[in-house]
Amino acid sequence: MTIALGDEDGQRRLWLGSLFAALGALGFAAKAILIKLAYRIAPIDSTTILALRVLLSVPAFLLMAWHGGGDSLSRRDKWMLVWLGFTGYYLASFFDFWGLQFVTAALERLILFTYPGLVLLFNALIYKKKIGLKEYGALLLSWLGIGLVFSHDIASSPQPDAVWKGAGLVFLSSITYALYLIGSSQVIHRIGTVRLTGIVVSVAAGFIVAHFSLTHPLGDLIQPTPIYWLALALAIFSTILPIYFTSEGIKRLGANRVSIVASIGPVFTIWLGYLFLNEPVSATQLSGTGLVLAGVLLVSMR
């Protein structure tokens, strides 16, 4: 997408798209903080807080699926949407929420930012798309940055095994989300962004509720009042609104520019973690974050 910077309408589109992309990035960045706060307030596990999140947010996504309209779906598209819901918003969310029980919010956000590089690798393996030197450089920068922050967290943690476990779970979340992005790119033009998002999140909600029902008694949904407020904030400000804002940003800027703006997310998470969770901020963490963001920018910019 090309925006004529000298054109007043183009300038307005640029600034509005950038604002939407920034708001979406900030909403997603706050997710880890809200989840970690819930873990500190009450003895709640990842499956329960995830179930509360989807129960509060799924009405909005059902509305999106209905409002998206469009032609009737083929059997192949229906199965693809079930697969996308399973990988992108059930498995990815489940691994992410579980991993946050063991790692800092800052490390979680950085590991999740490996997904652009994973998309490159999976596209090369599945569709034989060539990876250029710039992309290899971006992957190297990102992995060096994550390794730096990871080594810092391992050295400073009284339970290094827990950090290994949490980092592995969050990396699984990044892998499943990358697979979701690759799959969604095959059908998004036929189904539409709003309709696709509404359907796959609603499908994922079914998997999450089924998972909770099979592993927990219904009474586990009864939690202290602060947990409900956090779950509501998680549903509105870190699920519904960021997905909407990001979609609006992509509509005005294109995916590459939105990826660049979204790079503020890890920095915002580090700041919020320091402010609300008393997570330490060191020069090593900031250096690692800088390397990861440099890698993401290298992949996103043309």
Protein backbone atom coordinates (compact mmCIF):
# COMPACT_ATOMS: atom_id res chain seq x y z
CA MET A 1 0.00 0.00 0.00
CA THR A 2 1.36 3.42 -0.97
CA ILE A 3 0.36 6.59 0.87
CA ALA A 4 1.04 9.93 -0.75
CA LEU A 5 2.52 11.91 2.11
CA GLY A 6 1.89 15.23 0.37
CA ASP A 7 -1.79 14.49 0.07
CA GLU A 8 -3.97 15.67 2.98
CA ASP A 9 -6.21 12.61 2.81
CA GLY A 10 -3.13 10.39 2.66
CA GLN A 11 -1.65 12.11 5.71
CA ARG A 12 -4.88 11.60 7.64
CA ARG A 13 -4.95 7.94 6.63
CA LEU A 14 -1.32 7.53 7.70
CA TRP A 15 -1.78 9.08 11.14
CA LEU A 16 -5.10 7.38 11.82
CA GLY A 17 -3.73 4.00 10.74
CA SER A 18 -0.64 4.51 12.91
CA LEU A 19 -2.85 5.42 15.88
CA PHE A 20 -4.96 2.28 15.45
CA ALA A 21 -1.85 0.12 15.09
CA ALA A 22 -0.27 1.65 18.22
CA LEU A 23 -3.44 1.18 20.28
CA GLY A 24 -3.65 -2.44 19.15
CA ALA A 25 -0.01 -3.04 20.09
CA LEU A 26 -0.47 -1.44 23.51
CA GLY A 27 -3.57 -3.51 24.21
CA PHE A 28 -1.79 -6.76 23.35
CA ALA A 29 1.25 -5.66 25.37
CA ALA A 30 -0.90 -5.17 28.48
CA LYS A 31 -2.25 -8.74 28.26
CA ALA A 32 0.69 -10.32 30.07
CA ILE A 33 0.47 -7.74 32.87
CA LEU A 34 -3.22 -8.45 33.52
CA ILE A 35 -2.61 -12.21 33.54
CA LYS A 36 0.35 -11.96 35.92
CA LEU A 37 -1.71 -9.73 38.25
CA ALA A 38 -4.47 -12.36 38.30
CA TYR A 39 -1.93 -15.05 39.26
CA ARG A 40 -0.75 -12.85 42.16
CA ILE A 41 -4.21 -11.96 43.47
CA ALA A 42 -5.68 -15.47 43.70
CA PRO A 43 -4.60 -19.12 43.29
CA ILE A 44 -6.07 -19.28 39.79
CA ASP A 45 -4.60 -21.39 36.99
CA SER A 46 -4.10 -20.59 33.31
CA THR A 47 -7.09 -22.60 32.06
CA THR A 48 -9.53 -20.84 34.39
CA ILE A 49 -8.42 -17.28 33.57
CA LEU A 50 -8.42 -18.20 29.87
CA ALA A 51 -11.98 -19.54 30.17
CA LEU A 52 -13.13 -16.34 31.89
CA ARG A 53 -11.49 -14.29 29.15
CA VAL A 54 -13.28 -16.06 26.30
CA LEU A 55 -16.65 -16.22 28.06
CA LEU A 56 -16.56 -12.44 28.43
CA SER A 57 -15.25 -11.71 24.93
CA VAL A 58 -16.95 -14.29 22.70
CA PRO A 59 -20.26 -12.37 22.31
CA ALA A 60 -18.35 -9.60 20.52
CA PHE A 61 -16.69 -12.10 18.17
CA LEU A 62 -19.98 -13.87 17.41
CA LEU A 63 -21.30 -10.45 16.43
CA MET A 64 -18.22 -9.93 14.23
CA ALA A 65 -18.81 -13.29 12.54
CA TRP A 66 -22.44 -12.41 11.86
CA HIS A 67 -21.72 -8.80 10.81
CA GLY A 68 -18.97 -9.93 8.43
CA GLY A 69 -21.60 -11.36 6.08
CA GLY A 70 -20.30 -12.95 2.89
CA ASP A 71 -21.16 -16.02 0.84
CA SER A 72 -21.81 -19.44 2.29
CA LEU A 73 -18.68 -21.35 3.24
CA SER A 74 -17.48 -24.47 1.47
CA ARG A 75 -16.81 -27.63 3.48
CA ARG A 76 -13.09 -27.11 2.99
CA ASP A 77 -13.30 -23.54 4.33
CA LYS A 78 -15.27 -24.71 7.36
CA TRP A 79 -12.63 -27.30 8.26
CA MET A 80 -9.90 -24.71 7.69
CA LEU A 81 -11.65 -22.30 10.09
CA VAL A 82 -11.89 -25.03 12.73
CA TRP A 83 -8.15 -25.71 12.30
CA LEU A 84 -7.33 -21.99 12.52
CA GLY A 85 -9.41 -21.60 15.67
CA PHE A 86 -7.71 -24.63 17.20
CA THR A 87 -4.15 -23.48 16.45
CA GLY A 88 -4.30 -19.69 16.48
CA TYR A 89 -6.57 -18.84 19.37
CA TYR A 90 -6.87 -22.05 21.41
CA LEU A 91 -3.42 -23.64 21.45
CA ALA A 92 -1.54 -20.34 21.13
CA SER A 93 -3.53 -18.78 23.98
CA PHE A 94 -3.34 -21.90 26.15
CA PHE A 95 0.47 -22.19 25.84
CA ASP A 96 0.89 -18.44 26.36
CA PHE A 97 -1.25 -18.24 29.52
CA TRP A 98 0.41 -21.36 30.94
CA GLY A 99 3.91 -20.10 30.19
CA LEU A 100 3.21 -16.80 31.96
CA GLN A 101 2.99 -18.72 35.22
CA PHE A 102 6.78 -19.23 35.00
CA VAL A 103 8.39 -16.32 33.10
CA THR A 104 8.35 -12.54 33.33
CA ALA A 105 5.98 -10.50 31.20
CA ALA A 106 8.96 -8.96 29.37
CA LEU A 107 10.47 -12.32 28.36
CA GLU A 108 7.04 -13.62 27.29
CA ARG A 109 6.51 -10.67 24.97
CA LEU A 110 9.93 -11.02 23.38
CA ILE A 111 9.54 -14.77 22.75
CA LEU A 112 6.14 -14.16 21.15
CA PHE A 113 7.82 -11.69 18.79
CA THR A 114 9.63 -14.61 17.14
CA TYR A 115 6.49 -15.30 15.08
CA PRO A 116 7.47 -13.13 12.06
CA GLY A 117 10.69 -15.13 11.71
CA LEU A 118 8.84 -18.41 12.21
CA VAL A 119 6.42 -17.45 9.45
CA LEU A 120 9.41 -16.98 7.13
CA LEU A 121 10.85 -20.37 8.08
CA PHE A 122 7.53 -22.23 7.75
CA ASN A 123 6.82 -20.60 4.40
CA ALA A 124 10.24 -21.74 3.22
CA LEU A 125 9.60 -25.31 4.42
CA ILE A 126 5.98 -25.61 3.29
CA TYR A 127 5.80 -23.44 0.16
CA LYS A 128 9.51 -23.44 -0.79
CA LYS A 129 9.69 -19.65 -0.54
CA LYS A 130 13.25 -18.40 -0.65
CA ILE A 131 14.70 -16.64 2.39
CA GLY A 132 17.04 -13.76 1.57
CA LEU A 133 20.10 -12.54 3.41
CA LYS A 134 18.10 -9.74 5.04
CA GLU A 135 15.65 -12.27 6.50
CA TYR A 136 18.47 -14.47 7.80
CA GLY A 137 20.01 -11.39 9.42
CA ALA A 138 16.66 -10.55 11.02
CA LEU A 139 16.33 -14.06 12.43
CA LEU A 140 19.86 -13.93 13.83
CA LEU A 141 19.24 -10.57 15.53
CA SER A 142 15.97 -11.77 17.07
CA TRP A 143 17.45 -15.00 18.40
CA LEU A 144 20.48 -13.22 19.83
CA GLY A 145 18.18 -10.74 21.61
CA ILE A 146 15.98 -13.45 23.08
CA GLY A 147 19.04 -15.45 24.13
CA LEU A 148 20.40 -12.40 25.93
CA VAL A 149 17.19 -11.76 27.89
CA PHE A 150 16.66 -15.47 28.50
CA SER A 151 20.16 -15.92 29.92
CA HIS A 152 19.59 -12.91 32.19
CA ASP A 153 16.32 -14.36 33.52
CA ILE A 154 17.90 -17.81 34.03
CA ALA A 155 20.81 -16.32 35.98
CA SER A 156 18.60 -14.13 38.18
CA SER A 157 15.81 -16.66 38.84
CA PRO A 158 15.77 -18.83 42.00
CA GLN A 159 13.99 -21.48 39.86
CA PRO A 160 15.80 -21.69 36.50
CA ASP A 161 13.93 -24.90 35.57
CA ALA A 162 10.66 -22.96 35.75
CA VAL A 163 12.04 -20.32 33.37
CA TRP A 164 13.02 -23.05 30.90
CA LYS A 165 9.53 -24.54 31.10
CA GLY A 166 7.77 -21.17 30.73
CA ALA A 167 9.97 -20.09 27.83
CA GLY A 168 9.30 -23.39 26.06
CA LEU A 169 5.55 -23.01 26.48
CA VAL A 170 5.55 -19.42 25.19
CA PHE A 171 7.68 -20.50 22.22
CA LEU A 172 5.07 -23.17 21.43
CA SER A 173 2.51 -20.35 21.50
CA SER A 174 4.59 -18.43 18.96
CA ILE A 175 4.87 -21.53 16.73
CA THR A 176 1.12 -22.19 16.74
CA TYR A 177 0.36 -18.51 16.10
CA ALA A 178 2.76 -18.51 13.13
CA LEU A 179 0.97 -21.58 11.74
CA TYR A 180 -2.33 -19.75 12.19
CA LEU A 181 -1.05 -16.73 10.22
CA ILE A 182 0.13 -18.95 7.36
CA GLY A 183 -3.19 -20.78 7.24
CA SER A 184 -5.31 -17.65 7.49
CA SER A 185 -3.46 -16.08 4.56
CA GLN A 186 -4.90 -18.86 2.37
CA VAL A 187 -8.54 -17.98 3.10
CA ILE A 188 -8.68 -14.39 4.36
CA HIS A 189 -9.31 -12.91 0.90
CA ARG A 190 -12.30 -15.20 0.33
CA ILE A 191 -13.82 -14.84 3.80
CA GLY A 192 -12.82 -11.32 4.87
CA THR A 193 -10.85 -10.13 7.90
CA VAL A 194 -13.79 -9.34 10.21
CA ARG A 195 -15.70 -12.53 9.46
CA LEU A 196 -12.59 -14.71 9.67
CA THR A 197 -11.56 -13.27 13.03
CA GLY A 198 -15.07 -13.57 14.46
CA ILE A 199 -15.43 -17.19 13.39
CA VAL A 200 -11.99 -18.49 14.43
CA VAL A 201 -12.12 -16.83 17.86
CA SER A 202 -15.61 -18.23 18.43
CA VAL A 203 -14.40 -21.70 17.40
CA ALA A 204 -11.42 -21.35 19.76
CA ALA A 205 -13.79 -20.35 22.56
CA GLY A 206 -15.58 -23.67 22.08
CA PHE A 207 -12.29 -25.57 22.45
CA ILE A 208 -11.32 -23.54 25.53
CA VAL A 209 -14.67 -24.05 27.26
CA ALA A 210 -14.54 -27.79 26.45
CA HIS A 211 -10.99 -27.95 27.85
CA PHE A 212 -12.09 -26.22 31.05
CA SER A 213 -15.18 -28.45 31.41
CA LEU A 214 -13.09 -31.62 31.08
CA THR A 215 -10.38 -30.55 33.53
CA HIS A 216 -12.12 -28.34 36.12
CA PRO A 217 -15.30 -28.30 38.18
CA LEU A 218 -17.74 -25.53 37.26
CA GLY A 219 -17.22 -24.02 40.70
CA ASP A 220 -13.71 -22.94 39.69
CA LEU A 221 -15.32 -20.07 37.77
CA ILE A 222 -16.30 -18.57 41.13
CA GLN A 223 -13.41 -16.24 41.89
CA PRO A 224 -12.74 -13.14 44.00
CA THR A 225 -14.20 -9.92 42.56
CA PRO A 226 -10.79 -8.49 41.48
CA ILE A 227 -10.29 -11.53 39.22
CA TYR A 228 -13.54 -10.75 37.38
CA TRP A 229 -12.43 -7.16 36.86
CA LEU A 230 -9.08 -8.31 35.51
CA ALA A 231 -10.77 -10.86 33.25
CA LEU A 232 -13.12 -8.16 31.95
CA ALA A 233 -10.19 -5.83 31.28
CA LEU A 234 -8.41 -8.71 29.56
CA ALA A 235 -11.45 -9.38 27.36
CA ILE A 236 -12.09 -5.75 26.40
CA PHE A 237 -8.71 -4.01 26.38
CA SER A 238 -6.40 -6.91 25.51
CA THR A 239 -8.63 -8.98 23.22
CA ILE A 240 -11.61 -7.28 21.55
CA LEU A 241 -10.29 -3.75 21.07
CA PRO A 242 -6.70 -4.66 20.03
CA ILE A 243 -7.98 -7.09 17.38
CA TYR A 244 -10.32 -4.40 16.04
CA PHE A 245 -7.65 -1.66 16.16
CA THR A 246 -5.07 -3.86 14.44
CA SER A 247 -7.52 -4.75 11.66
CA GLU A 248 -8.28 -1.06 11.13
CA GLY A 249 -4.58 -0.27 11.10
CA ILE A 250 -3.89 -2.94 8.45
CA LYS A 251 -6.77 -1.59 6.38
CA ARG A 252 -5.13 1.88 6.27
CA LEU A 253 -1.40 1.06 6.38
CA GLY A 254 -0.90 -2.51 5.24
CA ALA A 255 0.52 -5.39 7.27
CA ASN A 256 4.19 -4.39 6.99
CA ARG A 257 3.72 -0.89 8.38
CA VAL A 258 1.50 -2.22 11.18
CA SER A 259 4.26 -4.70 12.12
CA ILE A 260 6.68 -1.80 12.42
CA VAL A 261 4.34 0.19 14.69
CA ALA A 262 3.64 -2.96 16.75
CA SER A 263 7.33 -3.07 17.67
CA ILE A 264 6.54 -0.69 20.53
CA GLY A 265 4.72 -3.57 22.23
CA PRO A 266 7.66 -5.26 24.03
CA VAL A 267 8.98 -1.91 25.26
CA PHE A 268 5.56 -1.07 26.66
CA THR A 269 5.35 -4.49 28.33
CA ILE A 270 8.74 -3.97 30.01
CA TRP A 271 7.61 -0.59 31.33
CA LEU A 272 4.27 -1.94 32.60
CA GLY A 273 6.01 -4.94 34.18
CA TYR A 274 8.31 -2.61 36.06
CA LEU A 275 5.42 -0.35 37.10
CA PHE A 276 2.80 -2.90 38.17
CA LEU A 277 4.73 -6.13 38.80
CA ASN A 278 8.04 -4.77 40.12
CA GLU A 279 9.87 -6.74 37.43
CA PRO A 280 13.50 -5.55 37.27
CA VAL A 281 14.79 -3.75 34.17
CA SER A 282 18.47 -4.18 33.35
CA ALA A 283 20.81 -3.06 30.58
CA THR A 284 20.95 -6.68 29.39
CA GLN A 285 17.17 -6.82 28.99
CA LEU A 286 17.07 -3.53 27.11
CA SER A 287 19.91 -4.62 24.83
CA GLY A 288 18.16 -7.93 24.09
CA THR A 289 14.90 -6.12 23.42
CA GLY A 290 16.68 -3.78 21.02
CA LEU A 291 18.09 -6.75 19.06
CA VAL A 292 14.66 -8.43 18.83
CA LEU A 293 12.99 -5.24 17.63
CA ALA A 294 15.77 -4.68 15.09
CA GLY A 295 15.09 -8.16 13.73
CA VAL A 296 11.35 -7.55 13.52
CA LEU A 297 11.88 -4.23 11.75
CA LEU A 298 14.31 -5.82 9.30
CA VAL A 299 11.67 -8.41 8.35
CA SER A 300 8.83 -5.87 8.18
CA MET A 301 10.44 -3.00 6.32
CA ARG A 302 10.91 -2.98 2.57
